[in-house]
Amino acid sequence: MIFPHDQLYHFYITYFAHPFDATFRSMKSTREVDEMTKVLVLYYSSYGHVETMASAVADGAREAGVTVAIRRVPELVPEAVAAKSGYKVDQSAPVATVAELADYDAIIIGTPTRFGNMASQMKNFLDQTGGLWFEDKLVGKVGSVFTSTGSQHGGQETTILSTQTVLFHLGMIIVGLPYSFKGQMRMDEITGCSPYGASTLADDGLGGHREVSENELEGARFQGRHVAGIAATLVAGHAARGS
């Protein structure tokens, strides 16, 4: 399957890459570039909705042929309290370290909303990136955000936008969910997703949990593919320049 970044890559090497660049000459195909592109899906999830979305985002990124890792940020709530509150405590993703963020070409962040902002667990983790910020370690990397809210108007867009603010300060290139994902314009069902990023609704309106819908999962996969394609294009450009 051909993704848009393949076309962008060929446009770049046709019109901009130096024809005698040794690094460029050593490249055999866009697949080689894809495989050297590393994408991190970094999330926090209390009840499993963001975890489910994170898995779909990662699946979409893998469809673009890139190398994908899923990590979660540390929980701040005491284990006994989390268990009593019904938190999903058996999440399989390894816990991330701040230092490893610099190893990736793109970072896609997933967080539930807390009063229209990211969860404190994610904020606590990102607040520790000062050293990376000081050394420009994340400048030029791709950043993207997805979220989950309890209700249809529970702060999805403000949560994504406020999280993007942090990524701007870190020097990242922000990518959302373009309208080429037509599912965000559906009117036949209640659904998450907006041009800012994929999203889901966690409550069913009757006091229970709502499962992530197939449309929302497809939005998450689309976002993963979209971000991965852009990241691979940037990696190809850097490789062609030998930088």
C-alpha atoms as a PDB file:
ATOM      1  CA  MET A   1       0.000   0.000   0.000  1.00  0.00           C
ATOM      2  CA  ILE A   2       1.325   3.441  -0.949  1.00  0.00           C
ATOM      3  CA  PHE A   3       0.917   6.305   1.487  1.00  0.00           C
ATOM      4  CA  PRO A   4       1.232  10.038   0.723  1.00  0.00           C
ATOM      5  CA  HIS A   5       4.702  10.285   2.259  1.00  0.00           C
ATOM      6  CA  ASP A   6       6.049   8.070  -0.547  1.00  0.00           C
ATOM      7  CA  GLN A   7       4.993  10.696  -3.071  1.00  0.00           C
ATOM      8  CA  LEU A   8       6.439  13.484  -0.943  1.00  0.00           C
ATOM      9  CA  TYR A   9       9.697  11.560  -0.579  1.00  0.00           C
ATOM     10  CA  HIS A  10      10.071  11.112  -4.342  1.00  0.00           C
ATOM     11  CA  PHE A  11       9.250  14.790  -4.889  1.00  0.00           C
ATOM     12  CA  TYR A  12      11.957  15.722  -2.389  1.00  0.00           C
ATOM     13  CA  ILE A  13      14.686  13.593  -3.892  1.00  0.00           C
ATOM     14  CA  THR A  14      13.779  14.713  -7.418  1.00  0.00           C
ATOM     15  CA  TYR A  15      13.922  18.444  -6.782  1.00  0.00           C
ATOM     16  CA  PHE A  16      15.953  18.991  -3.618  1.00  0.00           C
ATOM     17  CA  ALA A  17      18.311  16.110  -2.780  1.00  0.00           C
ATOM     18  CA  HIS A  18      21.899  16.518  -3.885  1.00  0.00           C
ATOM     19  CA  PRO A  19      22.447  13.992  -6.718  1.00  0.00           C
ATOM     20  CA  PHE A  20      25.863  13.028  -5.389  1.00  0.00           C
ATOM     21  CA  ASP A  21      24.869  12.693  -1.747  1.00  0.00           C
ATOM     22  CA  ALA A  22      26.464   9.436  -0.564  1.00  0.00           C
ATOM     23  CA  THR A  23      23.799   8.867   2.068  1.00  0.00           C
ATOM     24  CA  PHE A  24      21.067   9.262  -0.507  1.00  0.00           C
ATOM     25  CA  ARG A  25      22.785   6.903  -2.960  1.00  0.00           C
ATOM     26  CA  SER A  26      22.973   4.237  -0.271  1.00  0.00           C
ATOM     27  CA  MET A  27      19.204   4.188   0.196  1.00  0.00           C
ATOM     28  CA  LYS A  28      17.576   1.267  -1.585  1.00  0.00           C
ATOM     29  CA  SER A  29      13.890   2.225  -1.152  1.00  0.00           C
ATOM     30  CA  THR A  30      11.411   4.182   0.901  1.00  0.00           C
ATOM     31  CA  ARG A  31      10.916   0.995   2.927  1.00  0.00           C
ATOM     32  CA  GLU A  32      14.437   1.366   4.278  1.00  0.00           C
ATOM     33  CA  VAL A  33      13.603   4.924   5.335  1.00  0.00           C
ATOM     34  CA  ASP A  34      10.337   3.786   6.916  1.00  0.00           C
ATOM     35  CA  GLU A  35      12.040   1.125   8.987  1.00  0.00           C
ATOM     36  CA  MET A  36      14.576   3.585  10.366  1.00  0.00           C
ATOM     37  CA  THR A  37      11.755   5.947  11.420  1.00  0.00           C
ATOM     38  CA  LYS A  38      10.826   5.493  15.080  1.00  0.00           C
ATOM     39  CA  VAL A  39       7.430   6.473  16.469  1.00  0.00           C
ATOM     40  CA  LEU A  40       6.498   6.516  20.152  1.00  0.00           C
ATOM     41  CA  VAL A  41       2.893   6.274  21.325  1.00  0.00           C
ATOM     42  CA  LEU A  42       3.012   7.699  24.851  1.00  0.00           C
ATOM     43  CA  TYR A  43      -0.174   7.569  26.901  1.00  0.00           C
ATOM     44  CA  TYR A  44      -1.886   7.665  30.267  1.00  0.00           C
ATOM     45  CA  SER A  45      -5.124   5.762  30.843  1.00  0.00           C
ATOM     46  CA  SER A  46      -7.201   5.344  33.985  1.00  0.00           C
ATOM     47  CA  TYR A  47      -9.978   3.057  32.782  1.00  0.00           C
ATOM     48  CA  GLY A  48      -8.586   1.689  29.533  1.00  0.00           C
ATOM     49  CA  HIS A  49     -10.176   3.919  26.903  1.00  0.00           C
ATOM     50  CA  VAL A  50      -6.977   5.812  26.070  1.00  0.00           C
ATOM     51  CA  GLU A  51      -5.064   2.526  26.213  1.00  0.00           C
ATOM     52  CA  THR A  52      -7.395   1.115  23.557  1.00  0.00           C
ATOM     53  CA  MET A  53      -6.962   4.219  21.415  1.00  0.00           C
ATOM     54  CA  ALA A  54      -3.180   4.045  21.868  1.00  0.00           C
ATOM     55  CA  SER A  55      -3.155   0.505  20.511  1.00  0.00           C
ATOM     56  CA  ALA A  56      -5.113   1.632  17.446  1.00  0.00           C
ATOM     57  CA  VAL A  57      -2.792   4.608  16.889  1.00  0.00           C
ATOM     58  CA  ALA A  58       0.177   2.235  17.034  1.00  0.00           C
ATOM     59  CA  ASP A  59      -1.492  -0.158  14.581  1.00  0.00           C
ATOM     60  CA  GLY A  60      -1.990   2.686  12.129  1.00  0.00           C
ATOM     61  CA  ALA A  61       1.620   3.790  12.435  1.00  0.00           C
ATOM     62  CA  ARG A  62       2.814   0.235  11.818  1.00  0.00           C
ATOM     63  CA  GLU A  63       0.756   0.126   8.617  1.00  0.00           C
ATOM     64  CA  ALA A  64       3.055   2.887   7.334  1.00  0.00           C
ATOM     65  CA  GLY A  65       6.014   0.554   7.873  1.00  0.00           C
ATOM     66  CA  VAL A  66       7.731   2.469  10.677  1.00  0.00           C
ATOM     67  CA  THR A  67       9.106   1.115  13.950  1.00  0.00           C
ATOM     68  CA  VAL A  68       6.603   1.708  16.761  1.00  0.00           C
ATOM     69  CA  ALA A  69       6.858   1.578  20.557  1.00  0.00           C
ATOM     70  CA  ILE A  70       4.028   1.987  23.074  1.00  0.00           C
ATOM     71  CA  ARG A  71       4.817   3.368  26.513  1.00  0.00           C
ATOM     72  CA  ARG A  72       2.722   4.665  29.407  1.00  0.00           C
ATOM     73  CA  VAL A  73       3.597   7.313  31.929  1.00  0.00           C
ATOM     74  CA  PRO A  74       3.849   6.430  35.636  1.00  0.00           C
ATOM     75  CA  GLU A  75       0.688   6.325  37.739  1.00  0.00           C
ATOM     76  CA  LEU A  76       0.573   8.841  40.592  1.00  0.00           C
ATOM     77  CA  VAL A  77      -2.453   7.398  42.380  1.00  0.00           C
ATOM     78  CA  PRO A  78      -1.574   4.872  45.127  1.00  0.00           C
ATOM     79  CA  GLU A  79      -2.158   1.320  43.919  1.00  0.00           C
ATOM     80  CA  ALA A  80      -4.780   0.527  46.555  1.00  0.00           C
ATOM     81  CA  VAL A  81      -6.741   3.674  45.733  1.00  0.00           C
ATOM     82  CA  ALA A  82      -6.503   3.007  41.996  1.00  0.00           C
ATOM     83  CA  ALA A  83      -7.805  -0.540  42.422  1.00  0.00           C
ATOM     84  CA  LYS A  84     -10.671   0.618  44.636  1.00  0.00           C
ATOM     85  CA  SER A  85     -11.584   3.288  42.093  1.00  0.00           C
ATOM     86  CA  GLY A  86     -11.829   0.741  39.300  1.00  0.00           C
ATOM     87  CA  TYR A  87      -8.704   1.820  37.427  1.00  0.00           C
ATOM     88  CA  LYS A  88      -7.345  -0.581  34.828  1.00  0.00           C
ATOM     89  CA  VAL A  89      -4.152  -1.533  36.619  1.00  0.00           C
ATOM     90  CA  ASP A  90      -3.076  -4.446  34.399  1.00  0.00           C
ATOM     91  CA  GLN A  91      -1.867  -2.431  31.405  1.00  0.00           C
ATOM     92  CA  SER A  92       0.883  -4.239  29.525  1.00  0.00           C
ATOM     93  CA  ALA A  93       2.782  -1.277  28.068  1.00  0.00           C
ATOM     94  CA  PRO A  94       6.151  -0.592  29.737  1.00  0.00           C
ATOM     95  CA  VAL A  95       6.514   2.599  31.756  1.00  0.00           C
ATOM     96  CA  ALA A  96       8.339   5.316  29.828  1.00  0.00           C
ATOM     97  CA  THR A  97      11.404   7.256  30.885  1.00  0.00           C
ATOM     98  CA  VAL A  98      11.820  10.921  30.050  1.00  0.00           C
ATOM     99  CA  ALA A  99      15.266  10.367  28.528  1.00  0.00           C
ATOM    100  CA  GLU A 100      13.999   7.940  25.883  1.00  0.00           C
ATOM    101  CA  LEU A 101      11.791  10.584  24.245  1.00  0.00           C
ATOM    102  CA  ALA A 102      14.848  11.866  22.394  1.00  0.00           C
ATOM    103  CA  ASP A 103      15.228   8.496  20.650  1.00  0.00           C
ATOM    104  CA  TYR A 104      12.084   8.891  18.532  1.00  0.00           C
ATOM    105  CA  ASP A 105      11.263  10.802  15.361  1.00  0.00           C
ATOM    106  CA  ALA A 106       7.610  11.262  16.328  1.00  0.00           C
ATOM    107  CA  ILE A 107       5.761  11.195  19.641  1.00  0.00           C
ATOM    108  CA  ILE A 108       1.989  10.698  19.703  1.00  0.00           C
ATOM    109  CA  ILE A 109       0.548  11.511  23.121  1.00  0.00           C
ATOM    110  CA  GLY A 110      -2.697  10.125  24.504  1.00  0.00           C
ATOM    111  CA  THR A 111      -4.308  11.509  27.644  1.00  0.00           C
ATOM    112  CA  PRO A 112      -7.784  11.625  29.155  1.00  0.00           C
ATOM    113  CA  THR A 113      -9.202  15.020  29.981  1.00  0.00           C
ATOM    114  CA  ARG A 114      -9.263  16.546  33.438  1.00  0.00           C
ATOM    115  CA  PHE A 115     -11.404  19.696  33.389  1.00  0.00           C
ATOM    116  CA  GLY A 116     -10.397  20.444  29.802  1.00  0.00           C
ATOM    117  CA  ASN A 117      -6.699  19.741  30.312  1.00  0.00           C
ATOM    118  CA  MET A 118      -4.394  16.739  30.240  1.00  0.00           C
ATOM    119  CA  ALA A 119      -4.351  14.346  33.183  1.00  0.00           C
ATOM    120  CA  SER A 120      -1.955  15.208  36.008  1.00  0.00           C
ATOM    121  CA  GLN A 121      -0.016  12.000  35.372  1.00  0.00           C
ATOM    122  CA  MET A 122       0.839  13.137  31.843  1.00  0.00           C
ATOM    123  CA  LYS A 123       1.510  16.702  32.972  1.00  0.00           C
ATOM    124  CA  ASN A 124       3.871  15.456  35.686  1.00  0.00           C
ATOM    125  CA  PHE A 125       5.782  13.415  33.107  1.00  0.00           C
ATOM    126  CA  LEU A 126       6.041  16.227  30.560  1.00  0.00           C
ATOM    127  CA  ASP A 127       7.084  18.675  33.276  1.00  0.00           C
ATOM    128  CA  GLN A 128      10.244  16.587  33.615  1.00  0.00           C
ATOM    129  CA  THR A 129      11.345  17.247  30.020  1.00  0.00           C
ATOM    130  CA  GLY A 130      13.181  20.451  30.963  1.00  0.00           C
ATOM    131  CA  GLY A 131      16.555  18.876  30.270  1.00  0.00           C
ATOM    132  CA  LEU A 132      15.448  17.789  26.801  1.00  0.00           C
ATOM    133  CA  TRP A 133      14.066  21.278  26.176  1.00  0.00           C
ATOM    134  CA  PHE A 134      17.319  22.906  27.308  1.00  0.00           C
ATOM    135  CA  GLU A 135      19.376  20.775  24.914  1.00  0.00           C
ATOM    136  CA  ASP A 136      16.893  21.068  21.987  1.00  0.00           C
ATOM    137  CA  LYS A 137      16.543  17.288  21.925  1.00  0.00           C
ATOM    138  CA  LEU A 138      12.951  17.325  20.667  1.00  0.00           C
ATOM    139  CA  VAL A 139      13.226  20.199  18.197  1.00  0.00           C
ATOM    140  CA  GLY A 140      12.020  19.198  14.740  1.00  0.00           C
ATOM    141  CA  LYS A 141      10.385  15.967  15.855  1.00  0.00           C
ATOM    142  CA  VAL A 142       6.723  15.340  15.048  1.00  0.00           C
ATOM    143  CA  GLY A 143       4.199  15.680  17.874  1.00  0.00           C
ATOM    144  CA  SER A 144       0.530  14.719  17.920  1.00  0.00           C
ATOM    145  CA  VAL A 145      -2.197  14.228  20.542  1.00  0.00           C
ATOM    146  CA  PHE A 146      -5.337  12.127  21.043  1.00  0.00           C
ATOM    147  CA  THR A 147      -7.715  12.038  23.992  1.00  0.00           C
ATOM    148  CA  SER A 148     -10.775  10.648  25.767  1.00  0.00           C
ATOM    149  CA  THR A 149     -13.531  12.506  27.607  1.00  0.00           C
ATOM    150  CA  GLY A 150     -16.446  11.370  29.694  1.00  0.00           C
ATOM    151  CA  SER A 151     -19.055  13.206  27.633  1.00  0.00           C
ATOM    152  CA  GLN A 152     -19.552  14.492  24.109  1.00  0.00           C
ATOM    153  CA  HIS A 153     -18.734  18.067  25.103  1.00  0.00           C
ATOM    154  CA  GLY A 154     -16.324  17.250  27.904  1.00  0.00           C
ATOM    155  CA  GLY A 155     -13.253  19.121  26.683  1.00  0.00           C
ATOM    156  CA  GLN A 156     -11.770  16.998  23.896  1.00  0.00           C
ATOM    157  CA  GLU A 157     -10.524  19.910  21.819  1.00  0.00           C
ATOM    158  CA  THR A 158      -9.219  21.976  24.745  1.00  0.00           C
ATOM    159  CA  THR A 159      -7.372  18.955  26.109  1.00  0.00           C
ATOM    160  CA  ILE A 160      -5.639  18.337  22.793  1.00  0.00           C
ATOM    161  CA  LEU A 161      -4.850  22.021  22.245  1.00  0.00           C
ATOM    162  CA  SER A 162      -3.478  22.542  25.758  1.00  0.00           C
ATOM    163  CA  THR A 163      -1.270  19.468  25.360  1.00  0.00           C
ATOM    164  CA  GLN A 164      -0.059  20.734  21.995  1.00  0.00           C
ATOM    165  CA  THR A 165       1.084  23.921  23.755  1.00  0.00           C
ATOM    166  CA  VAL A 166       3.700  21.891  25.626  1.00  0.00           C
ATOM    167  CA  LEU A 167       4.870  20.319  22.372  1.00  0.00           C
ATOM    168  CA  PHE A 168       5.236  23.752  20.774  1.00  0.00           C
ATOM    169  CA  HIS A 169       7.517  24.803  23.633  1.00  0.00           C
ATOM    170  CA  LEU A 170       9.611  21.691  23.035  1.00  0.00           C
ATOM    171  CA  GLY A 171      10.062  22.721  19.399  1.00  0.00           C
ATOM    172  CA  MET A 172       8.028  19.915  17.878  1.00  0.00           C
ATOM    173  CA  ILE A 173       6.150  19.946  14.577  1.00  0.00           C
ATOM    174  CA  ILE A 174       2.457  19.573  15.436  1.00  0.00           C
ATOM    175  CA  VAL A 175       0.252  17.251  13.397  1.00  0.00           C
ATOM    176  CA  GLY A 176      -3.479  16.731  13.865  1.00  0.00           C
ATOM    177  CA  LEU A 177      -6.175  14.614  12.220  1.00  0.00           C
ATOM    178  CA  PRO A 178      -6.963  16.096   8.782  1.00  0.00           C
ATOM    179  CA  TYR A 179     -10.413  16.144   7.235  1.00  0.00           C
ATOM    180  CA  SER A 180      -9.261  13.469   4.819  1.00  0.00           C
ATOM    181  CA  PHE A 181     -10.438  11.254   7.684  1.00  0.00           C
ATOM    182  CA  LYS A 182     -14.112  11.623   6.824  1.00  0.00           C
ATOM    183  CA  GLY A 183     -15.276   9.840   9.959  1.00  0.00           C
ATOM    184  CA  GLN A 184     -14.952  13.007  12.016  1.00  0.00           C
ATOM    185  CA  MET A 185     -17.829  14.539  10.023  1.00  0.00           C
ATOM    186  CA  ARG A 186     -20.335  11.769  10.718  1.00  0.00           C
ATOM    187  CA  MET A 187     -23.755  12.875  11.932  1.00  0.00           C
ATOM    188  CA  ASP A 188     -25.418   9.475  12.138  1.00  0.00           C
ATOM    189  CA  GLU A 189     -23.813   8.578  15.464  1.00  0.00           C
ATOM    190  CA  ILE A 190     -22.259  10.201  18.505  1.00  0.00           C
ATOM    191  CA  THR A 191     -18.523  10.024  17.960  1.00  0.00           C
ATOM    192  CA  GLY A 192     -15.241  11.581  18.913  1.00  0.00           C
ATOM    193  CA  CYS A 193     -12.465  12.867  16.607  1.00  0.00           C
ATOM    194  CA  SER A 194     -11.777  16.385  15.347  1.00  0.00           C
ATOM    195  CA  PRO A 195      -9.142  18.049  13.152  1.00  0.00           C
ATOM    196  CA  TYR A 196      -7.035  18.472  16.292  1.00  0.00           C
ATOM    197  CA  GLY A 197      -6.772  14.739  16.935  1.00  0.00           C
ATOM    198  CA  ALA A 198      -8.561  11.449  17.452  1.00  0.00           C
ATOM    199  CA  SER A 199     -10.768  11.086  20.518  1.00  0.00           C
ATOM    200  CA  THR A 200     -13.340   8.876  22.166  1.00  0.00           C
ATOM    201  CA  LEU A 201     -16.181   9.175  24.681  1.00  0.00           C
ATOM    202  CA  ALA A 202     -15.850   7.109  27.833  1.00  0.00           C
ATOM    203  CA  ASP A 203     -19.357   7.279  29.364  1.00  0.00           C
ATOM    204  CA  ASP A 204     -22.558   5.880  27.889  1.00  0.00           C
ATOM    205  CA  GLY A 205     -24.778   8.586  29.388  1.00  0.00           C
ATOM    206  CA  LEU A 206     -26.474   6.067  31.658  1.00  0.00           C
ATOM    207  CA  GLY A 207     -23.838   5.856  34.350  1.00  0.00           C
ATOM    208  CA  GLY A 208     -21.804   3.134  32.683  1.00  0.00           C
ATOM    209  CA  HIS A 209     -18.736   2.853  30.491  1.00  0.00           C
ATOM    210  CA  ARG A 210     -18.956   3.171  26.722  1.00  0.00           C
ATOM    211  CA  GLU A 211     -16.705   1.106  24.478  1.00  0.00           C
ATOM    212  CA  VAL A 212     -14.507   2.863  21.948  1.00  0.00           C
ATOM    213  CA  SER A 213     -16.435   2.864  18.656  1.00  0.00           C
ATOM    214  CA  GLU A 214     -15.100   1.502  15.379  1.00  0.00           C
ATOM    215  CA  ASN A 215     -15.217   4.995  13.877  1.00  0.00           C
ATOM    216  CA  GLU A 216     -13.069   6.327  16.715  1.00  0.00           C
ATOM    217  CA  LEU A 217     -10.634   3.443  16.344  1.00  0.00           C
ATOM    218  CA  GLU A 218     -10.348   4.145  12.630  1.00  0.00           C
ATOM    219  CA  GLY A 219      -9.672   7.805  13.436  1.00  0.00           C
ATOM    220  CA  ALA A 220      -6.892   6.700  15.771  1.00  0.00           C
ATOM    221  CA  ARG A 221      -5.412   4.396  13.133  1.00  0.00           C
ATOM    222  CA  PHE A 222      -5.622   7.175  10.554  1.00  0.00           C
ATOM    223  CA  GLN A 223      -3.792   9.557  12.874  1.00  0.00           C
ATOM    224  CA  GLY A 224      -1.081   6.977  13.472  1.00  0.00           C
ATOM    225  CA  ARG A 225      -0.577   6.438   9.734  1.00  0.00           C
ATOM    226  CA  HIS A 226      -0.640  10.170   9.041  1.00  0.00           C
ATOM    227  CA  VAL A 227       1.943  11.032  11.693  1.00  0.00           C
ATOM    228  CA  ALA A 228       4.167   8.108  10.717  1.00  0.00           C
ATOM    229  CA  GLY A 229       4.118   9.154   7.069  1.00  0.00           C
ATOM    230  CA  ILE A 230       5.128  12.717   7.875  1.00  0.00           C
ATOM    231  CA  ALA A 231       7.859  11.539  10.242  1.00  0.00           C
ATOM    232  CA  ALA A 232       9.255   9.179   7.593  1.00  0.00           C
ATOM    233  CA  THR A 233       9.303  11.994   5.045  1.00  0.00           C
ATOM    234  CA  LEU A 234      11.297  14.178   7.435  1.00  0.00           C
ATOM    235  CA  VAL A 235      13.702  11.331   8.197  1.00  0.00           C
ATOM    236  CA  ALA A 236      14.201  10.825   4.458  1.00  0.00           C
ATOM    237  CA  GLY A 237      14.984  14.500   4.025  1.00  0.00           C
ATOM    238  CA  HIS A 238      17.558  14.485   6.813  1.00  0.00           C
ATOM    239  CA  ALA A 239      19.151  11.321   5.434  1.00  0.00           C
ATOM    240  CA  ALA A 240      19.319  12.730   1.919  1.00  0.00           C
ATOM    241  CA  ARG A 241      21.123  15.802   3.236  1.00  0.00           C
ATOM    242  CA  GLY A 242      23.419  13.652   5.349  1.00  0.00           C
ATOM    243  CA  SER A 243      22.313  15.440   8.522  1.00  0.00           C
END
